[in-house]
Amino acid sequence: MKLMRVGPIGQEKPAILDADGKIRDLSAHVADIGGAAISPEGLAKIAALDLKSLPELKADRIGACVAGTGKFICIGLNYSDHAAETGAAVPPEPVIFMKATSAIVGPNDDVLIPRGSEKTDWEVELGVVIGKTAKYVSEADALDYVAGYCVSHDVSERAFQTERAGQWTKGKSCDTFGPIGPWLVTKDEIADPLNLGMWLKVNGETMQNGSSKTMVYGIAHVVSYLSQFMSLHPGDVISTGTPPGVGMGMKPPRYLKAGDVVELGIEGLGTQKQTFRADA
């Protein structure tokens, strides 16, 4: 299933994309795409619906694909080829940092370049959406706790991230720096999440053209690993790292400016398109 949220900011309706590409309204059956609705039981309830009987919705705006995200967790340097382009060693354990949930926006919303930014960068990432509470889970069982996958754009301000004192979070959490969607694609639709093509373009020029197969720590490992340190809850999003081709890794480095248009996508998970604008 391809679950989504459609409507103005703060007024999104839960929806599903049917086999004909029509957006169907789920609001009579679930409160939102999040919480109990994306539990195994909730997803089974949605799967049993006759989609053609549901009202159609117009997609004037697509919102973030999951609601009520309590934690937006990111895994750094998790692609061997990306680590190489940045000159960093592959970490001996997953590198964990947090992205503020206030950064979350829809897949096609404008992204704001923060005041004082000179190094705003792009990163296409595979997002993992948790469907039931995970605590101390084994790697063998970890995927049982995953509701599905989505496109995640881990927008980053590199000077804030690496040249200022402290941790990476402030370079990752600026308003609008977390577009997710267009869909939460349930895991039954993705045969192998570790073999998905991923791409990103800036003003039509391809910058990233990679695959999730170069991920160092796979999804089951990451979910299990995180659950040893914190409980994961329904609606939590894990952004699992990026393939090579980020602006920071270019020679010379290249960064985004107001007016730039970024398009990105992952095989089977849809596409995003954002215009970058200066924050007021």
C-alpha atoms as a PDB file:
ATOM      1  CA  MET A   1       0.000   0.000   0.000  1.00  0.00           C
ATOM      2  CA  LYS A   2       0.994   3.577  -0.624  1.00  0.00           C
ATOM      3  CA  LEU A   3      -0.319   5.675   2.252  1.00  0.00           C
ATOM      4  CA  MET A   4      -0.213   9.460   2.182  1.00  0.00           C
ATOM      5  CA  ARG A   5      -1.569  12.654   3.685  1.00  0.00           C
ATOM      6  CA  VAL A   6      -3.190  15.287   1.491  1.00  0.00           C
ATOM      7  CA  GLY A   7      -4.283  18.855   2.192  1.00  0.00           C
ATOM      8  CA  PRO A   8      -3.135  22.227   3.547  1.00  0.00           C
ATOM      9  CA  ILE A   9      -0.544  22.355   6.320  1.00  0.00           C
ATOM     10  CA  GLY A  10      -2.192  21.278   9.559  1.00  0.00           C
ATOM     11  CA  GLN A  11      -5.315  20.050   7.768  1.00  0.00           C
ATOM     12  CA  GLU A  12      -3.997  16.956   5.995  1.00  0.00           C
ATOM     13  CA  LYS A  13      -6.353  14.044   5.433  1.00  0.00           C
ATOM     14  CA  PRO A  14      -5.187  10.416   5.536  1.00  0.00           C
ATOM     15  CA  ALA A  15      -5.276   8.866   2.081  1.00  0.00           C
ATOM     16  CA  ILE A  16      -4.172   5.913  -0.013  1.00  0.00           C
ATOM     17  CA  LEU A  17      -3.084   5.658  -3.629  1.00  0.00           C
ATOM     18  CA  ASP A  18      -5.144   3.023  -5.457  1.00  0.00           C
ATOM     19  CA  ALA A  19      -4.015   0.743  -8.285  1.00  0.00           C
ATOM     20  CA  ASP A  20      -5.159   3.302 -10.871  1.00  0.00           C
ATOM     21  CA  GLY A  21      -3.133   6.109  -9.308  1.00  0.00           C
ATOM     22  CA  LYS A  22      -6.178   7.783  -7.765  1.00  0.00           C
ATOM     23  CA  ILE A  23      -5.945   9.239  -4.271  1.00  0.00           C
ATOM     24  CA  ARG A  24      -8.651   7.851  -1.990  1.00  0.00           C
ATOM     25  CA  ASP A  25      -9.823   9.398   1.283  1.00  0.00           C
ATOM     26  CA  LEU A  26      -9.216   7.245   4.388  1.00  0.00           C
ATOM     27  CA  SER A  27     -10.511   9.727   6.946  1.00  0.00           C
ATOM     28  CA  ALA A  28     -13.697   7.730   7.601  1.00  0.00           C
ATOM     29  CA  HIS A  29     -11.576   4.777   8.680  1.00  0.00           C
ATOM     30  CA  VAL A  30      -8.428   6.162  10.349  1.00  0.00           C
ATOM     31  CA  ALA A  31      -7.685   9.392  12.176  1.00  0.00           C
ATOM     32  CA  ASP A  32      -4.357   9.911  10.417  1.00  0.00           C
ATOM     33  CA  ILE A  33      -1.391   8.023   8.965  1.00  0.00           C
ATOM     34  CA  GLY A  34       0.432   7.373  12.201  1.00  0.00           C
ATOM     35  CA  GLY A  35       0.020   5.731  15.592  1.00  0.00           C
ATOM     36  CA  ALA A  36      -2.391   2.791  15.627  1.00  0.00           C
ATOM     37  CA  ALA A  37      -3.172   3.178  11.913  1.00  0.00           C
ATOM     38  CA  ILE A  38       0.310   1.982  10.946  1.00  0.00           C
ATOM     39  CA  SER A  39       0.469  -0.884  13.432  1.00  0.00           C
ATOM     40  CA  PRO A  40       0.235  -4.371  11.920  1.00  0.00           C
ATOM     41  CA  GLU A  41      -3.431  -4.484  12.920  1.00  0.00           C
ATOM     42  CA  GLY A  42      -4.114  -1.002  11.559  1.00  0.00           C
ATOM     43  CA  LEU A  43      -2.458  -1.754   8.246  1.00  0.00           C
ATOM     44  CA  ALA A  44      -4.442  -5.002   7.949  1.00  0.00           C
ATOM     45  CA  LYS A  45      -7.650  -3.020   8.476  1.00  0.00           C
ATOM     46  CA  ILE A  46      -6.731  -0.581   5.704  1.00  0.00           C
ATOM     47  CA  ALA A  47      -5.703  -3.416   3.375  1.00  0.00           C
ATOM     48  CA  ALA A  48      -9.144  -4.979   3.750  1.00  0.00           C
ATOM     49  CA  LEU A  49     -10.966  -1.863   2.505  1.00  0.00           C
ATOM     50  CA  ASP A  50     -12.592  -1.652  -0.915  1.00  0.00           C
ATOM     51  CA  LEU A  51     -10.614   1.300  -2.209  1.00  0.00           C
ATOM     52  CA  LYS A  52     -12.933   2.009  -5.116  1.00  0.00           C
ATOM     53  CA  SER A  53     -15.711   2.722  -2.633  1.00  0.00           C
ATOM     54  CA  LEU A  54     -13.714   5.505  -1.001  1.00  0.00           C
ATOM     55  CA  PRO A  55     -14.073   9.148  -2.089  1.00  0.00           C
ATOM     56  CA  GLU A  56     -11.382  10.600  -4.326  1.00  0.00           C
ATOM     57  CA  LEU A  57      -9.216  13.466  -3.096  1.00  0.00           C
ATOM     58  CA  LYS A  58      -7.491  16.196  -5.071  1.00  0.00           C
ATOM     59  CA  ALA A  59      -3.787  16.487  -4.321  1.00  0.00           C
ATOM     60  CA  ASP A  60      -3.404  20.263  -4.222  1.00  0.00           C
ATOM     61  CA  ARG A  61      -0.700  19.598  -1.634  1.00  0.00           C
ATOM     62  CA  ILE A  62       0.873  16.381  -0.361  1.00  0.00           C
ATOM     63  CA  GLY A  63       1.897  16.491   3.282  1.00  0.00           C
ATOM     64  CA  ALA A  64       4.524  14.543   5.155  1.00  0.00           C
ATOM     65  CA  CYS A  65       3.657  10.865   4.777  1.00  0.00           C
ATOM     66  CA  VAL A  66       3.397  10.125   8.501  1.00  0.00           C
ATOM     67  CA  ALA A  67       1.872  12.106  11.368  1.00  0.00           C
ATOM     68  CA  GLY A  68       2.815  12.270  15.026  1.00  0.00           C
ATOM     69  CA  THR A  69       6.497  11.496  14.596  1.00  0.00           C
ATOM     70  CA  GLY A  70       8.057  11.532  18.038  1.00  0.00           C
ATOM     71  CA  LYS A  71      11.635  10.903  16.938  1.00  0.00           C
ATOM     72  CA  PHE A  72      13.424  11.650  13.667  1.00  0.00           C
ATOM     73  CA  ILE A  73      16.634   9.641  13.938  1.00  0.00           C
ATOM     74  CA  CYS A  74      19.419   9.771  11.362  1.00  0.00           C
ATOM     75  CA  ILE A  75      22.320   7.454  10.666  1.00  0.00           C
ATOM     76  CA  GLY A  76      25.503   9.208   9.557  1.00  0.00           C
ATOM     77  CA  LEU A  77      28.166   7.959   7.148  1.00  0.00           C
ATOM     78  CA  ASN A  78      26.161   4.805   6.502  1.00  0.00           C
ATOM     79  CA  TYR A  79      27.107   4.373   2.830  1.00  0.00           C
ATOM     80  CA  SER A  80      30.620   3.161   2.133  1.00  0.00           C
ATOM     81  CA  ASP A  81      30.949   5.242  -1.025  1.00  0.00           C
ATOM     82  CA  HIS A  82      29.638   8.386   0.694  1.00  0.00           C
ATOM     83  CA  ALA A  83      32.071   7.951   3.587  1.00  0.00           C
ATOM     84  CA  ALA A  84      34.873   7.709   1.034  1.00  0.00           C
ATOM     85  CA  GLU A  85      33.894  10.941  -0.751  1.00  0.00           C
ATOM     86  CA  THR A  86      33.908  12.857   2.542  1.00  0.00           C
ATOM     87  CA  GLY A  87      37.275  11.393   3.531  1.00  0.00           C
ATOM     88  CA  ALA A  88      35.776   9.728   6.611  1.00  0.00           C
ATOM     89  CA  ALA A  89      36.384   6.184   7.769  1.00  0.00           C
ATOM     90  CA  VAL A  90      33.450   3.773   7.876  1.00  0.00           C
ATOM     91  CA  PRO A  91      32.343   3.947  11.526  1.00  0.00           C
ATOM     92  CA  PRO A  92      32.714   0.816  13.701  1.00  0.00           C
ATOM     93  CA  GLU A  93      29.096   1.257  14.864  1.00  0.00           C
ATOM     94  CA  PRO A  94      26.189   3.253  13.405  1.00  0.00           C
ATOM     95  CA  VAL A  95      26.589   7.000  13.933  1.00  0.00           C
ATOM     96  CA  ILE A  96      23.350   8.305  15.467  1.00  0.00           C
ATOM     97  CA  PHE A  97      22.108  11.880  15.477  1.00  0.00           C
ATOM     98  CA  MET A  98      18.689  13.451  15.796  1.00  0.00           C
ATOM     99  CA  LYS A  99      16.818  15.733  13.442  1.00  0.00           C
ATOM    100  CA  ALA A 100      14.171  17.914  15.100  1.00  0.00           C
ATOM    101  CA  THR A 101      10.634  16.839  14.231  1.00  0.00           C
ATOM    102  CA  SER A 102       9.849  20.524  13.606  1.00  0.00           C
ATOM    103  CA  ALA A 103      11.937  20.160  10.432  1.00  0.00           C
ATOM    104  CA  ILE A 104       9.379  17.785   8.890  1.00  0.00           C
ATOM    105  CA  VAL A 105       7.491  19.073   5.824  1.00  0.00           C
ATOM    106  CA  GLY A 106       5.788  17.655   2.778  1.00  0.00           C
ATOM    107  CA  PRO A 107       7.745  16.245  -0.161  1.00  0.00           C
ATOM    108  CA  ASN A 108       7.107  19.196  -2.461  1.00  0.00           C
ATOM    109  CA  ASP A 109       7.038  22.044   0.049  1.00  0.00           C
ATOM    110  CA  ASP A 110       9.562  24.869  -0.256  1.00  0.00           C
ATOM    111  CA  VAL A 111      12.754  24.442   1.760  1.00  0.00           C
ATOM    112  CA  LEU A 112      14.060  27.488   3.600  1.00  0.00           C
ATOM    113  CA  ILE A 113      17.760  28.316   3.606  1.00  0.00           C
ATOM    114  CA  PRO A 114      18.374  29.563   7.160  1.00  0.00           C
ATOM    115  CA  ARG A 115      19.787  32.956   8.051  1.00  0.00           C
ATOM    116  CA  GLY A 116      23.555  32.982   7.868  1.00  0.00           C
ATOM    117  CA  SER A 117      23.747  29.796   5.823  1.00  0.00           C
ATOM    118  CA  GLU A 118      26.435  29.477   3.184  1.00  0.00           C
ATOM    119  CA  LYS A 119      26.627  25.673   3.008  1.00  0.00           C
ATOM    120  CA  THR A 120      23.131  24.217   2.645  1.00  0.00           C
ATOM    121  CA  ASP A 121      23.482  20.743   1.148  1.00  0.00           C
ATOM    122  CA  TRP A 122      21.325  17.897  -0.178  1.00  0.00           C
ATOM    123  CA  GLU A 123      21.081  14.197   0.777  1.00  0.00           C
ATOM    124  CA  VAL A 124      18.580  11.683  -0.642  1.00  0.00           C
ATOM    125  CA  GLU A 125      17.928   8.996   1.980  1.00  0.00           C
ATOM    126  CA  LEU A 126      15.820   5.901   2.534  1.00  0.00           C
ATOM    127  CA  GLY A 127      13.430   6.552   5.420  1.00  0.00           C
ATOM    128  CA  VAL A 128      12.202   3.735   7.666  1.00  0.00           C
ATOM    129  CA  VAL A 129       8.875   4.240   9.463  1.00  0.00           C
ATOM    130  CA  ILE A 130       8.314   2.319  12.694  1.00  0.00           C
ATOM    131  CA  GLY A 131       4.929   0.613  13.073  1.00  0.00           C
ATOM    132  CA  LYS A 132       5.000  -0.816  16.602  1.00  0.00           C
ATOM    133  CA  THR A 133       6.996  -0.185  19.749  1.00  0.00           C
ATOM    134  CA  ALA A 134      10.479  -1.709  19.577  1.00  0.00           C
ATOM    135  CA  LYS A 135      12.654  -2.142  22.646  1.00  0.00           C
ATOM    136  CA  TYR A 136      15.652  -4.479  22.864  1.00  0.00           C
ATOM    137  CA  VAL A 137      14.651  -6.269  19.660  1.00  0.00           C
ATOM    138  CA  SER A 138      16.922  -8.737  17.898  1.00  0.00           C
ATOM    139  CA  GLU A 139      18.183  -8.162  14.385  1.00  0.00           C
ATOM    140  CA  ALA A 140      16.285 -11.272  13.291  1.00  0.00           C
ATOM    141  CA  ASP A 141      12.994  -9.770  14.478  1.00  0.00           C
ATOM    142  CA  ALA A 142      13.687  -6.108  13.710  1.00  0.00           C
ATOM    143  CA  LEU A 143      11.764  -5.845  10.434  1.00  0.00           C
ATOM    144  CA  ASP A 144       8.601  -6.987  12.231  1.00  0.00           C
ATOM    145  CA  TYR A 145       8.579  -3.527  13.801  1.00  0.00           C
ATOM    146  CA  VAL A 146       8.785  -1.635  10.500  1.00  0.00           C
ATOM    147  CA  ALA A 147       5.573  -0.311   8.930  1.00  0.00           C
ATOM    148  CA  GLY A 148       7.191   0.733   5.682  1.00  0.00           C
ATOM    149  CA  TYR A 149       9.570   3.009   3.833  1.00  0.00           C
ATOM    150  CA  CYS A 150       9.644   6.510   2.350  1.00  0.00           C
ATOM    151  CA  VAL A 151      11.847   9.020   0.584  1.00  0.00           C
ATOM    152  CA  SER A 152      13.608  11.253   3.107  1.00  0.00           C
ATOM    153  CA  HIS A 153      15.551  14.381   2.184  1.00  0.00           C
ATOM    154  CA  ASP A 154      18.129  15.006   4.898  1.00  0.00           C
ATOM    155  CA  VAL A 155      18.811  18.661   4.092  1.00  0.00           C
ATOM    156  CA  SER A 156      21.939  19.803   5.937  1.00  0.00           C
ATOM    157  CA  GLU A 157      23.765  23.040   6.674  1.00  0.00           C
ATOM    158  CA  ARG A 158      27.398  21.924   6.721  1.00  0.00           C
ATOM    159  CA  ALA A 159      28.894  24.947   8.494  1.00  0.00           C
ATOM    160  CA  PHE A 160      26.306  24.648  11.268  1.00  0.00           C
ATOM    161  CA  GLN A 161      26.908  20.897  11.339  1.00  0.00           C
ATOM    162  CA  THR A 162      30.697  20.620  11.347  1.00  0.00           C
ATOM    163  CA  GLU A 163      32.293  24.037  11.791  1.00  0.00           C
ATOM    164  CA  ARG A 164      30.438  25.205  14.889  1.00  0.00           C
ATOM    165  CA  ALA A 165      31.013  23.745  18.339  1.00  0.00           C
ATOM    166  CA  GLY A 166      28.920  20.806  19.441  1.00  0.00           C
ATOM    167  CA  GLN A 167      27.085  18.004  17.679  1.00  0.00           C
ATOM    168  CA  TRP A 168      25.553  17.680  14.211  1.00  0.00           C
ATOM    169  CA  THR A 169      21.938  18.289  15.232  1.00  0.00           C
ATOM    170  CA  LYS A 170      21.861  22.049  14.688  1.00  0.00           C
ATOM    171  CA  GLY A 171      23.043  21.615  11.108  1.00  0.00           C
ATOM    172  CA  LYS A 172      20.252  19.125  10.438  1.00  0.00           C
ATOM    173  CA  SER A 173      17.225  20.562  12.237  1.00  0.00           C
ATOM    174  CA  CYS A 174      16.481  23.911  10.598  1.00  0.00           C
ATOM    175  CA  ASP A 175      12.842  24.494   9.708  1.00  0.00           C
ATOM    176  CA  THR A 176      11.820  22.576   6.534  1.00  0.00           C
ATOM    177  CA  PHE A 177      15.031  20.472   6.535  1.00  0.00           C
ATOM    178  CA  GLY A 178      13.075  17.197   6.714  1.00  0.00           C
ATOM    179  CA  PRO A 179      10.815  16.552   3.698  1.00  0.00           C
ATOM    180  CA  ILE A 180       9.379  13.014   3.860  1.00  0.00           C
ATOM    181  CA  GLY A 181       7.072  11.270   1.391  1.00  0.00           C
ATOM    182  CA  PRO A 182       5.152  11.392  -0.896  1.00  0.00           C
ATOM    183  CA  TRP A 183       4.104   7.981   0.392  1.00  0.00           C
ATOM    184  CA  LEU A 184       4.628   5.610   3.245  1.00  0.00           C
ATOM    185  CA  VAL A 185       5.050   2.423   1.202  1.00  0.00           C
ATOM    186  CA  THR A 186       4.263  -0.625   3.293  1.00  0.00           C
ATOM    187  CA  LYS A 187       7.089  -3.111   3.521  1.00  0.00           C
ATOM    188  CA  ASP A 188       5.196  -5.857   1.661  1.00  0.00           C
ATOM    189  CA  GLU A 189       5.586  -3.786  -1.533  1.00  0.00           C
ATOM    190  CA  ILE A 190       9.383  -3.540  -1.285  1.00  0.00           C
ATOM    191  CA  ALA A 191      10.997  -6.908  -1.973  1.00  0.00           C
ATOM    192  CA  ASP A 192      14.516  -5.794  -1.045  1.00  0.00           C
ATOM    193  CA  PRO A 193      14.976  -2.381   0.589  1.00  0.00           C
ATOM    194  CA  LEU A 194      18.736  -2.880   0.370  1.00  0.00           C
ATOM    195  CA  ASN A 195      18.705  -2.840  -3.427  1.00  0.00           C
ATOM    196  CA  LEU A 196      16.877   0.339  -4.401  1.00  0.00           C
ATOM    197  CA  GLY A 197      18.090   2.928  -6.879  1.00  0.00           C
ATOM    198  CA  MET A 198      18.354   6.440  -5.413  1.00  0.00           C
ATOM    199  CA  TRP A 199      18.886   9.717  -7.249  1.00  0.00           C
ATOM    200  CA  LEU A 200      18.910  13.478  -6.765  1.00  0.00           C
ATOM    201  CA  LYS A 201      19.106  16.384  -9.208  1.00  0.00           C
ATOM    202  CA  VAL A 202      19.810  20.081  -8.672  1.00  0.00           C
ATOM    203  CA  ASN A 203      18.358  22.331 -11.381  1.00  0.00           C
ATOM    204  CA  GLY A 204      18.073  19.266 -13.612  1.00  0.00           C
ATOM    205  CA  GLU A 205      21.691  18.152 -13.141  1.00  0.00           C
ATOM    206  CA  THR A 206      22.151  14.710 -11.616  1.00  0.00           C
ATOM    207  CA  MET A 207      24.194  14.909  -8.427  1.00  0.00           C
ATOM    208  CA  GLN A 208      23.434  11.614  -6.714  1.00  0.00           C
ATOM    209  CA  ASN A 209      22.882   8.336  -8.539  1.00  0.00           C
ATOM    210  CA  GLY A 210      23.391   5.462  -6.120  1.00  0.00           C
ATOM    211  CA  SER A 211      21.784   2.475  -4.488  1.00  0.00           C
ATOM    212  CA  SER A 212      20.826   1.383  -1.012  1.00  0.00           C
ATOM    213  CA  LYS A 213      22.961  -1.723  -1.625  1.00  0.00           C
ATOM    214  CA  THR A 214      26.056   0.246  -0.525  1.00  0.00           C
ATOM    215  CA  MET A 215      24.516   0.823   2.917  1.00  0.00           C
ATOM    216  CA  VAL A 216      27.007  -0.285   5.594  1.00  0.00           C
ATOM    217  CA  TYR A 217      24.561  -1.093   8.376  1.00  0.00           C
ATOM    218  CA  GLY A 218      21.318  -2.517   6.989  1.00  0.00           C
ATOM    219  CA  ILE A 219      17.822  -1.702   8.120  1.00  0.00           C
ATOM    220  CA  ALA A 220      17.374  -4.700  10.440  1.00  0.00           C
ATOM    221  CA  HIS A 221      20.713  -3.961  12.095  1.00  0.00           C
ATOM    222  CA  VAL A 222      19.911  -0.268  12.528  1.00  0.00           C
ATOM    223  CA  VAL A 223      16.444  -0.879  14.020  1.00  0.00           C
ATOM    224  CA  SER A 224      17.819  -3.491  16.423  1.00  0.00           C
ATOM    225  CA  TYR A 225      20.794  -1.283  17.326  1.00  0.00           C
ATOM    226  CA  LEU A 226      18.681   1.787  18.049  1.00  0.00           C
ATOM    227  CA  SER A 227      16.257  -0.255  20.156  1.00  0.00           C
ATOM    228  CA  GLN A 228      19.075  -1.107  22.564  1.00  0.00           C
ATOM    229  CA  PHE A 229      19.370   2.573  23.494  1.00  0.00           C
ATOM    230  CA  MET A 230      15.810   3.910  23.196  1.00  0.00           C
ATOM    231  CA  SER A 231      12.313   2.638  22.560  1.00  0.00           C
ATOM    232  CA  LEU A 232      11.126   3.195  19.007  1.00  0.00           C
ATOM    233  CA  HIS A 233       7.459   4.111  18.687  1.00  0.00           C
ATOM    234  CA  PRO A 234       4.895   4.044  15.873  1.00  0.00           C
ATOM    235  CA  GLY A 235       5.498   6.983  13.567  1.00  0.00           C
ATOM    236  CA  ASP A 236       9.173   7.360  14.417  1.00  0.00           C
ATOM    237  CA  VAL A 237      11.284   7.885  11.292  1.00  0.00           C
ATOM    238  CA  ILE A 238      14.831   6.617  10.758  1.00  0.00           C
ATOM    239  CA  SER A 239      16.738   8.255   7.907  1.00  0.00           C
ATOM    240  CA  THR A 240      19.375   5.700   7.002  1.00  0.00           C
ATOM    241  CA  GLY A 241      22.139   7.610   5.209  1.00  0.00           C
ATOM    242  CA  THR A 242      22.962   8.832   1.717  1.00  0.00           C
ATOM    243  CA  PRO A 243      24.930   7.613  -1.304  1.00  0.00           C
ATOM    244  CA  PRO A 244      27.751   9.749  -2.754  1.00  0.00           C
ATOM    245  CA  GLY A 245      27.251  12.973  -4.655  1.00  0.00           C
ATOM    246  CA  VAL A 246      26.546  15.491  -1.889  1.00  0.00           C
ATOM    247  CA  GLY A 247      27.704  19.062  -2.349  1.00  0.00           C
ATOM    248  CA  MET A 248      30.220  18.860   0.490  1.00  0.00           C
ATOM    249  CA  GLY A 249      32.054  16.039  -1.288  1.00  0.00           C
ATOM    250  CA  MET A 250      32.561  17.906  -4.560  1.00  0.00           C
ATOM    251  CA  LYS A 251      35.808  19.563  -5.560  1.00  0.00           C
ATOM    252  CA  PRO A 252      35.277  22.413  -5.058  1.00  0.00           C
ATOM    253  CA  PRO A 253      32.261  21.970  -2.762  1.00  0.00           C
ATOM    254  CA  ARG A 254      28.928  23.126  -4.136  1.00  0.00           C
ATOM    255  CA  TYR A 255      25.972  24.303  -2.082  1.00  0.00           C
ATOM    256  CA  LEU A 256      22.376  25.362  -2.596  1.00  0.00           C
ATOM    257  CA  LYS A 257      21.200  28.930  -3.068  1.00  0.00           C
ATOM    258  CA  ALA A 258      17.811  30.620  -3.207  1.00  0.00           C
ATOM    259  CA  GLY A 259      15.934  29.673  -6.369  1.00  0.00           C
ATOM    260  CA  ASP A 260      17.546  26.254  -6.775  1.00  0.00           C
ATOM    261  CA  VAL A 261      15.175  23.368  -7.498  1.00  0.00           C
ATOM    262  CA  VAL A 262      15.993  19.921  -6.108  1.00  0.00           C
ATOM    263  CA  GLU A 263      14.319  16.749  -7.351  1.00  0.00           C
ATOM    264  CA  LEU A 264      14.944  13.360  -5.771  1.00  0.00           C
ATOM    265  CA  GLY A 265      13.509   9.883  -5.633  1.00  0.00           C
ATOM    266  CA  ILE A 266      13.938   6.260  -4.658  1.00  0.00           C
ATOM    267  CA  GLU A 267      12.859   3.256  -6.695  1.00  0.00           C
ATOM    268  CA  GLY A 268       9.335   2.233  -5.684  1.00  0.00           C
ATOM    269  CA  LEU A 269       8.980   5.027  -3.114  1.00  0.00           C
ATOM    270  CA  GLY A 270       8.133   8.026  -5.281  1.00  0.00           C
ATOM    271  CA  THR A 271       9.717  11.408  -5.901  1.00  0.00           C
ATOM    272  CA  GLN A 272      10.054  14.819  -4.299  1.00  0.00           C
ATOM    273  CA  LYS A 273      10.595  18.306  -5.714  1.00  0.00           C
ATOM    274  CA  GLN A 274      11.515  21.352  -3.669  1.00  0.00           C
ATOM    275  CA  THR A 275      12.331  24.966  -4.413  1.00  0.00           C
ATOM    276  CA  PHE A 276      14.889  26.448  -2.035  1.00  0.00           C
ATOM    277  CA  ARG A 277      14.187  29.928  -0.710  1.00  0.00           C
ATOM    278  CA  ALA A 278      15.875  32.278   1.743  1.00  0.00           C
ATOM    279  CA  ASP A 279      14.261  32.249   5.176  1.00  0.00           C
ATOM    280  CA  ALA A 280      12.823  35.571   6.236  1.00  0.00           C
END
